[in-house]
Protein backbone atom coordinates (compact mmCIF):
# COMPACT_ATOMS: atom_id res chain seq x y z
CA MET A 1 102.57 136.35 162.15
CA GLN A 2 102.25 137.55 158.54
CA LEU A 3 102.63 141.22 159.82
CA LEU A 4 105.85 140.70 161.27
CA GLU A 5 107.20 139.23 157.67
CA LEU A 6 105.55 142.23 155.73
CA MET A 7 107.54 144.63 158.15
CA LYS A 8 110.90 143.20 157.54
CA THR A 9 111.28 146.30 154.70
CA ASN A 10 110.73 148.75 157.73
CA GLU A 11 113.63 147.96 160.04
CA LEU A 12 111.84 150.70 162.64
CA ALA A 13 108.45 148.76 162.26
CA TYR A 14 109.97 145.38 162.23
CA ASN A 15 111.35 145.71 165.85
CA LYS A 16 108.29 147.68 167.38
CA MET A 17 106.85 144.72 166.04
CA LYS A 18 108.69 142.14 167.01
CA ASN A 19 108.61 143.45 170.89
CA ALA A 20 105.00 143.49 170.85
CA LYS A 21 104.83 139.45 169.75
CA PRO A 22 105.68 138.68 173.14
CA ASN A 23 102.69 140.13 175.04
CA HIS A 24 100.41 138.42 172.14
CA GLY A 25 101.87 135.21 173.11
CA ILE A 26 101.24 135.46 176.63
CA SER A 27 97.96 137.26 176.54
CA VAL A 28 96.74 134.12 174.44
CA LEU A 29 98.31 131.64 176.57
CA LEU A 30 96.77 133.46 179.86
CA GLY A 31 93.71 133.07 177.81
CA ALA A 32 93.54 129.72 176.83
CA ILE A 33 94.44 128.43 180.33
CA GLY A 34 91.90 130.75 182.07
CA GLY A 35 89.19 129.69 179.68
CA GLY A 36 90.15 126.50 180.41
CA LEU A 37 89.63 126.27 183.92
CA ILE A 38 86.31 128.41 183.43
CA GLY A 39 85.29 125.63 181.04
CA GLY A 40 85.95 122.81 182.99
CA ALA A 41 84.25 124.18 186.19
CA ILE A 42 81.06 124.98 184.28
CA GLY A 43 81.90 121.64 182.18
CA SER A 44 81.99 119.60 185.31
CA SER A 45 78.76 121.18 186.69
CA LEU A 46 76.47 120.11 183.66
CA ASP A 47 76.26 116.68 185.20
CA GLY A 48 74.90 117.28 188.33
CA SER A 49 78.16 117.86 190.42
CA PRO A 50 78.28 121.10 192.27
CA LEU A 51 79.78 124.39 190.67
CA ASN A 52 83.72 124.24 191.73
CA TRP A 53 83.84 128.08 192.38
CA ASN A 54 87.49 128.16 192.85
CA LEU A 55 88.22 126.59 190.07
CA LEU A 56 86.32 129.33 187.78
CA ILE A 57 87.21 131.78 190.23
CA THR A 58 90.98 130.75 189.42
CA GLY A 59 90.40 130.83 185.40
CA GLY A 60 88.24 134.18 185.75
CA GLY A 61 91.86 135.95 187.53
CA ILE A 62 93.47 134.02 185.17
CA THR A 63 92.11 135.65 182.03
CA LEU A 64 92.07 139.17 183.72
CA LEU A 65 95.65 138.54 184.02
CA GLY A 66 96.19 138.53 180.49
CA ILE A 67 94.12 141.37 179.40
CA PRO A 68 96.83 143.76 180.15
CA PHE A 69 99.55 141.69 177.76
CA SER A 70 96.38 142.58 175.13
CA VAL A 71 96.36 145.94 175.52
CA THR A 72 99.84 146.40 175.37
CA TYR A 73 100.07 144.07 172.08
CA ILE A 74 97.19 145.92 170.69
CA LYS A 75 98.79 149.57 171.03
CA GLN A 76 102.45 148.46 170.01
CA ALA A 77 101.21 146.63 166.84
CA LYS A 78 99.21 150.03 165.72
CA ASN A 79 102.50 151.50 166.24
CA ALA A 80 104.24 149.63 164.36
CA VAL A 81 101.77 149.58 161.34
CA GLU A 82 101.52 153.27 161.57
CA ILE A 83 105.54 153.64 161.53
CA TYR A 84 105.15 151.02 158.49
CA ASN A 85 102.65 152.91 156.34
CA ASN A 86 104.32 156.28 156.92
CA GLY A 87 107.31 154.84 155.41
CA LEU A 88 105.33 154.01 152.14
CA ASN A 89 105.67 155.78 148.99
CA HIS A 90 102.68 157.07 148.38
CA THR A 91 101.51 157.13 144.64
CA ASP A 92 98.55 158.62 142.48
CA LEU A 93 97.65 155.58 141.09
CA GLY A 94 93.79 155.21 141.27
CA ARG A 95 93.11 159.00 141.04
CA ILE A 96 91.50 160.21 138.54
CA ASN A 97 91.52 164.30 137.39
CA PHE A 98 88.64 165.75 135.90
CA ASN A 99 89.27 169.16 133.74
CA ILE A 100 87.11 171.26 131.85
CA GLY A 101 89.41 172.84 128.81
CA LEU A 102 89.52 172.95 125.12
CA THR A 103 89.97 169.78 123.28
CA HIS A 104 90.40 169.34 119.34
CA ASN A 105 86.99 169.53 118.65
CA GLY A 106 85.96 172.62 121.20
CA LEU A 107 84.89 172.92 124.91
CA GLY A 108 85.25 169.06 126.43
CA LEU A 109 85.56 167.22 129.69
CA LYS A 110 89.71 165.75 130.16
CA MET A 111 89.88 162.95 132.32
CA PHE A 112 93.36 162.32 133.72
CA PHE A 113 94.48 159.18 135.19
């Protein structure tokens, strides 16, 4: 995960993201298994066979089991990103300030970068 590598500079954010990673893996695994079962049930019915409701319901149930892991991952990852972002040094780069005042030639507009 690229986000995990990026957060190595902030130990607290890195640990939070590392704790979130297993939830992501479980969510993806359950989603893939459930999706495969659903796809298998629907795909086999396309050739004229009756729809295998047991396979379809099992696939749906397995997919639903992955949702709490996905939600937990998202919450933990957002928390880690927030911690990481709060630890960054904020600069004024990109900010332009305008002042109206006296210049060498009289009244003028000064821009500060």
